[in-house]
Amino acid sequence: MKLNNLQDLLIHELRDIYNAEQQITKALPKMIKATSSTQLKSAFEEHLMVTEKQIERLDKVFEIIGEKSTGEKCKAMEGIIREAETMLSERADSSVMDAALIASAQRVEHYEIAAYGTVCTYAKQLGMNDVLDLLHKTLEEEKMTDEKLTMIAEKSVNLKAQ
């Protein structure tokens, strides 16, 4: 895809995010299975459901802009997830593994926050208010997930791992 203008770049970035979200839906069940913390397991299960809704929201975005969602492989997310999977293969105390899982999940969230922040900026610049509203909702969900993971880490998991 040739990037001739900001709308082309928006579409490119949206396809990247779409693929990233799909990769996350495949990785989260492994993280759910690996955690020993019921609070963390619950947070991961909740985020899996939220991620599936975010994919539906992206489908709506693509419908609004008249584009297909396919085409880009998110190599960054692939690398973040590969790193998380490597961590899962480590021999670690269960509470230490939970702390490592939170670290991996927050890497995912921080990437998503950056990606959604960028496409929100593009949509705003392009006057695509319907698209902006959908993307901004997801951006806020990603920020809330990150905050929730921080709270679980600081109030429970990291203390047990210490």
C-alpha atoms as a PDB file:
ATOM      1  CA  MET A   1       0.000   0.000   0.000  1.00  0.00           C
ATOM      2  CA  LYS A   2       1.409   3.359  -1.016  1.00  0.00           C
ATOM      3  CA  LEU A   3       1.045   6.031   1.641  1.00  0.00           C
ATOM      4  CA  ASN A   4       0.081   9.203  -0.189  1.00  0.00           C
ATOM      5  CA  ASN A   5      -1.618  11.077   2.618  1.00  0.00           C
ATOM      6  CA  LEU A   6      -2.673  10.976   6.269  1.00  0.00           C
ATOM      7  CA  GLN A   7      -5.771   8.886   5.499  1.00  0.00           C
ATOM      8  CA  ASP A   8      -3.598   6.226   3.847  1.00  0.00           C
ATOM      9  CA  LEU A   9      -1.381   6.227   6.941  1.00  0.00           C
ATOM     10  CA  LEU A  10      -4.456   5.940   9.183  1.00  0.00           C
ATOM     11  CA  ILE A  11      -5.660   2.884   7.246  1.00  0.00           C
ATOM     12  CA  HIS A  12      -2.186   1.339   7.417  1.00  0.00           C
ATOM     13  CA  GLU A  13      -2.008   1.864  11.173  1.00  0.00           C
ATOM     14  CA  LEU A  14      -5.541   0.570  11.714  1.00  0.00           C
ATOM     15  CA  ARG A  15      -4.676  -2.648   9.880  1.00  0.00           C
ATOM     16  CA  ASP A  16      -1.595  -3.003  12.080  1.00  0.00           C
ATOM     17  CA  ILE A  17      -3.679  -2.542  15.239  1.00  0.00           C
ATOM     18  CA  TYR A  18      -6.320  -4.953  13.958  1.00  0.00           C
ATOM     19  CA  ASN A  19      -3.721  -7.666  13.541  1.00  0.00           C
ATOM     20  CA  ALA A  20      -2.197  -6.847  16.928  1.00  0.00           C
ATOM     21  CA  GLU A  21      -5.588  -7.294  18.609  1.00  0.00           C
ATOM     22  CA  GLN A  22      -6.041 -10.655  16.895  1.00  0.00           C
ATOM     23  CA  GLN A  23      -2.626 -11.781  18.122  1.00  0.00           C
ATOM     24  CA  ILE A  24      -3.564 -10.710  21.650  1.00  0.00           C
ATOM     25  CA  THR A  25      -6.720 -12.851  21.601  1.00  0.00           C
ATOM     26  CA  LYS A  26      -4.505 -15.857  20.867  1.00  0.00           C
ATOM     27  CA  ALA A  27      -1.913 -15.006  23.543  1.00  0.00           C
ATOM     28  CA  LEU A  28      -4.215 -14.160  26.450  1.00  0.00           C
ATOM     29  CA  PRO A  29      -5.542 -17.716  26.993  1.00  0.00           C
ATOM     30  CA  LYS A  30      -1.945 -18.899  27.505  1.00  0.00           C
ATOM     31  CA  MET A  31      -1.389 -16.139  30.051  1.00  0.00           C
ATOM     32  CA  ILE A  32      -4.664 -16.978  31.799  1.00  0.00           C
ATOM     33  CA  LYS A  33      -3.575 -20.593  32.092  1.00  0.00           C
ATOM     34  CA  ALA A  34      -0.122 -19.662  33.411  1.00  0.00           C
ATOM     35  CA  THR A  35      -1.164 -17.332  36.221  1.00  0.00           C
ATOM     36  CA  SER A  36      -1.661 -18.484  39.794  1.00  0.00           C
ATOM     37  CA  SER A  37      -3.262 -15.232  40.985  1.00  0.00           C
ATOM     38  CA  THR A  38      -7.061 -15.363  40.843  1.00  0.00           C
ATOM     39  CA  GLN A  39      -7.174 -11.572  40.632  1.00  0.00           C
ATOM     40  CA  LEU A  40      -4.770 -11.531  37.683  1.00  0.00           C
ATOM     41  CA  LYS A  41      -6.556 -14.442  35.998  1.00  0.00           C
ATOM     42  CA  SER A  42      -9.819 -12.512  36.286  1.00  0.00           C
ATOM     43  CA  ALA A  43      -8.211  -9.361  34.839  1.00  0.00           C
ATOM     44  CA  PHE A  44      -6.816 -11.333  31.890  1.00  0.00           C
ATOM     45  CA  GLU A  45     -10.181 -13.047  31.265  1.00  0.00           C
ATOM     46  CA  GLU A  46     -11.950  -9.689  31.366  1.00  0.00           C
ATOM     47  CA  HIS A  47      -9.410  -8.162  28.988  1.00  0.00           C
ATOM     48  CA  LEU A  48      -9.857 -11.042  26.553  1.00  0.00           C
ATOM     49  CA  MET A  49     -13.573 -10.217  26.351  1.00  0.00           C
ATOM     50  CA  VAL A  50     -12.785  -6.495  26.023  1.00  0.00           C
ATOM     51  CA  THR A  51     -10.272  -7.230  23.251  1.00  0.00           C
ATOM     52  CA  GLU A  52     -12.876  -9.182  21.308  1.00  0.00           C
ATOM     53  CA  LYS A  53     -15.208  -6.159  21.557  1.00  0.00           C
ATOM     54  CA  GLN A  54     -12.357  -3.910  20.430  1.00  0.00           C
ATOM     55  CA  ILE A  55     -11.938  -6.047  17.315  1.00  0.00           C
ATOM     56  CA  GLU A  56     -15.673  -5.638  16.620  1.00  0.00           C
ATOM     57  CA  ARG A  57     -15.254  -1.887  17.090  1.00  0.00           C
ATOM     58  CA  LEU A  58     -12.364  -1.890  14.595  1.00  0.00           C
ATOM     59  CA  ASP A  59     -14.598  -3.774  12.147  1.00  0.00           C
ATOM     60  CA  LYS A  60     -17.050  -0.867  12.461  1.00  0.00           C
ATOM     61  CA  VAL A  61     -14.233   1.623  11.849  1.00  0.00           C
ATOM     62  CA  PHE A  62     -13.236  -0.186   8.650  1.00  0.00           C
ATOM     63  CA  GLU A  63     -16.872  -0.267   7.558  1.00  0.00           C
ATOM     64  CA  ILE A  64     -17.211   3.502   8.148  1.00  0.00           C
ATOM     65  CA  ILE A  65     -14.104   4.295   6.102  1.00  0.00           C
ATOM     66  CA  GLY A  66     -14.953   1.745   3.397  1.00  0.00           C
ATOM     67  CA  GLU A  67     -11.789  -0.315   3.737  1.00  0.00           C
ATOM     68  CA  LYS A  68     -10.887  -3.940   4.424  1.00  0.00           C
ATOM     69  CA  SER A  69      -9.246  -4.818   7.724  1.00  0.00           C
ATOM     70  CA  THR A  70      -6.674  -7.191   6.285  1.00  0.00           C
ATOM     71  CA  GLY A  71      -3.216  -6.537   4.982  1.00  0.00           C
ATOM     72  CA  GLU A  72      -0.772  -5.683   7.751  1.00  0.00           C
ATOM     73  CA  LYS A  73       1.043  -8.013  10.132  1.00  0.00           C
ATOM     74  CA  CYS A  74       1.951  -6.302  13.380  1.00  0.00           C
ATOM     75  CA  LYS A  75       5.557  -7.347  13.796  1.00  0.00           C
ATOM     76  CA  ALA A  76       5.922  -5.287  16.965  1.00  0.00           C
ATOM     77  CA  MET A  77       3.122  -7.181  18.724  1.00  0.00           C
ATOM     78  CA  GLU A  78       4.487 -10.436  17.377  1.00  0.00           C
ATOM     79  CA  GLY A  79       7.802  -9.623  19.077  1.00  0.00           C
ATOM     80  CA  ILE A  80       6.189  -8.554  22.358  1.00  0.00           C
ATOM     81  CA  ILE A  81       4.140 -11.755  22.453  1.00  0.00           C
ATOM     82  CA  ARG A  82       7.139 -13.907  21.516  1.00  0.00           C
ATOM     83  CA  GLU A  83       9.010 -12.367  24.441  1.00  0.00           C
ATOM     84  CA  ALA A  84       6.076 -13.150  26.758  1.00  0.00           C
ATOM     85  CA  GLU A  85       5.984 -16.742  25.517  1.00  0.00           C
ATOM     86  CA  THR A  86       9.704 -17.063  26.220  1.00  0.00           C
ATOM     87  CA  MET A  87       9.036 -15.882  29.767  1.00  0.00           C
ATOM     88  CA  LEU A  88       6.321 -18.512  30.135  1.00  0.00           C
ATOM     89  CA  SER A  89       8.911 -21.204  29.443  1.00  0.00           C
ATOM     90  CA  GLU A  90      11.141 -20.014  32.304  1.00  0.00           C
ATOM     91  CA  ARG A  91      11.291 -21.991  35.511  1.00  0.00           C
ATOM     92  CA  ALA A  92       9.906 -19.528  38.022  1.00  0.00           C
ATOM     93  CA  ASP A  93       8.096 -19.442  41.330  1.00  0.00           C
ATOM     94  CA  SER A  94       4.384 -18.973  40.632  1.00  0.00           C
ATOM     95  CA  SER A  95       4.256 -15.516  42.246  1.00  0.00           C
ATOM     96  CA  VAL A  96       7.328 -14.417  40.292  1.00  0.00           C
ATOM     97  CA  MET A  97       5.727 -15.724  37.096  1.00  0.00           C
ATOM     98  CA  ASP A  98       2.623 -13.671  37.880  1.00  0.00           C
ATOM     99  CA  ALA A  99       4.806 -10.547  38.194  1.00  0.00           C
ATOM    100  CA  ALA A 100       6.477 -11.401  34.882  1.00  0.00           C
ATOM    101  CA  LEU A 101       3.076 -11.902  33.244  1.00  0.00           C
ATOM    102  CA  ILE A 102       1.982  -8.462  34.387  1.00  0.00           C
ATOM    103  CA  ALA A 103       5.174  -6.972  32.943  1.00  0.00           C
ATOM    104  CA  SER A 104       4.492  -8.704  29.625  1.00  0.00           C
ATOM    105  CA  ALA A 105       0.858  -7.615  29.605  1.00  0.00           C
ATOM    106  CA  GLN A 106       1.824  -4.028  30.329  1.00  0.00           C
ATOM    107  CA  ARG A 107       4.231  -4.042  27.395  1.00  0.00           C
ATOM    108  CA  VAL A 108       1.249  -5.026  25.250  1.00  0.00           C
ATOM    109  CA  GLU A 109      -0.923  -2.306  26.787  1.00  0.00           C
ATOM    110  CA  HIS A 110       1.709   0.395  26.340  1.00  0.00           C
ATOM    111  CA  TYR A 111       2.092  -0.507  22.674  1.00  0.00           C
ATOM    112  CA  GLU A 112      -1.677  -0.362  22.239  1.00  0.00           C
ATOM    113  CA  ILE A 113      -1.948   2.967  24.067  1.00  0.00           C
ATOM    114  CA  ALA A 114       0.663   4.436  21.716  1.00  0.00           C
ATOM    115  CA  ALA A 115      -1.016   2.940  18.635  1.00  0.00           C
ATOM    116  CA  TYR A 116      -4.547   4.008  19.545  1.00  0.00           C
ATOM    117  CA  GLY A 117      -3.337   7.456  20.594  1.00  0.00           C
ATOM    118  CA  THR A 118      -1.767   7.887  17.173  1.00  0.00           C
ATOM    119  CA  VAL A 119      -4.818   6.798  15.178  1.00  0.00           C
ATOM    120  CA  CYS A 120      -7.060   8.976  17.360  1.00  0.00           C
ATOM    121  CA  THR A 121      -4.875  11.945  16.452  1.00  0.00           C
ATOM    122  CA  TYR A 122      -5.075  11.087  12.746  1.00  0.00           C
ATOM    123  CA  ALA A 123      -8.862  10.602  12.860  1.00  0.00           C
ATOM    124  CA  LYS A 124      -9.291  13.925  14.646  1.00  0.00           C
ATOM    125  CA  GLN A 125      -7.071  15.711  12.109  1.00  0.00           C
ATOM    126  CA  LEU A 126      -9.070  14.163   9.261  1.00  0.00           C
ATOM    127  CA  GLY A 127     -12.413  15.185  10.812  1.00  0.00           C
ATOM    128  CA  MET A 128     -13.536  11.555  11.147  1.00  0.00           C
ATOM    129  CA  ASN A 129     -15.528  12.068  14.330  1.00  0.00           C
ATOM    130  CA  ASP A 130     -17.396   8.735  14.198  1.00  0.00           C
ATOM    131  CA  VAL A 131     -14.090   6.910  13.804  1.00  0.00           C
ATOM    132  CA  LEU A 132     -12.482   9.024  16.518  1.00  0.00           C
ATOM    133  CA  ASP A 133     -15.249   8.202  19.000  1.00  0.00           C
ATOM    134  CA  LEU A 134     -14.829   4.446  18.445  1.00  0.00           C
ATOM    135  CA  LEU A 135     -11.031   4.576  18.645  1.00  0.00           C
ATOM    136  CA  HIS A 136     -11.037   6.833  21.695  1.00  0.00           C
ATOM    137  CA  LYS A 137     -13.276   4.383  23.564  1.00  0.00           C
ATOM    138  CA  THR A 138     -10.699   1.662  22.949  1.00  0.00           C
ATOM    139  CA  LEU A 139      -7.827   3.962  23.947  1.00  0.00           C
ATOM    140  CA  GLU A 140      -9.542   4.615  27.283  1.00  0.00           C
ATOM    141  CA  GLU A 141     -10.092   0.862  27.810  1.00  0.00           C
ATOM    142  CA  GLU A 142      -6.398   0.204  27.202  1.00  0.00           C
ATOM    143  CA  LYS A 143      -5.423   2.873  29.727  1.00  0.00           C
ATOM    144  CA  MET A 144      -7.830   1.406  32.297  1.00  0.00           C
ATOM    145  CA  THR A 145      -6.399  -2.082  31.763  1.00  0.00           C
ATOM    146  CA  ASP A 146      -2.879  -0.763  32.290  1.00  0.00           C
ATOM    147  CA  GLU A 147      -3.946   0.977  35.513  1.00  0.00           C
ATOM    148  CA  LYS A 148      -5.674  -2.189  36.725  1.00  0.00           C
ATOM    149  CA  LEU A 149      -2.552  -4.261  36.065  1.00  0.00           C
ATOM    150  CA  THR A 150      -0.442  -1.731  37.963  1.00  0.00           C
ATOM    151  CA  MET A 151      -2.830  -1.915  40.912  1.00  0.00           C
ATOM    152  CA  ILE A 152      -2.754  -5.732  40.949  1.00  0.00           C
ATOM    153  CA  ALA A 153       1.040  -5.675  40.758  1.00  0.00           C
ATOM    154  CA  GLU A 154       1.540  -3.110  43.510  1.00  0.00           C
ATOM    155  CA  LYS A 155      -1.116  -4.336  45.939  1.00  0.00           C
ATOM    156  CA  SER A 156      -0.709  -8.083  45.549  1.00  0.00           C
ATOM    157  CA  VAL A 157       1.446  -9.841  42.982  1.00  0.00           C
ATOM    158  CA  ASN A 158       4.722  -7.964  43.456  1.00  0.00           C
ATOM    159  CA  LEU A 159       4.421  -8.270  47.244  1.00  0.00           C
ATOM    160  CA  LYS A 160       4.064 -12.041  46.958  1.00  0.00           C
ATOM    161  CA  ALA A 161       6.953 -12.217  44.497  1.00  0.00           C
ATOM    162  CA  GLN A 162       9.198 -10.205  46.796  1.00  0.00           C
END
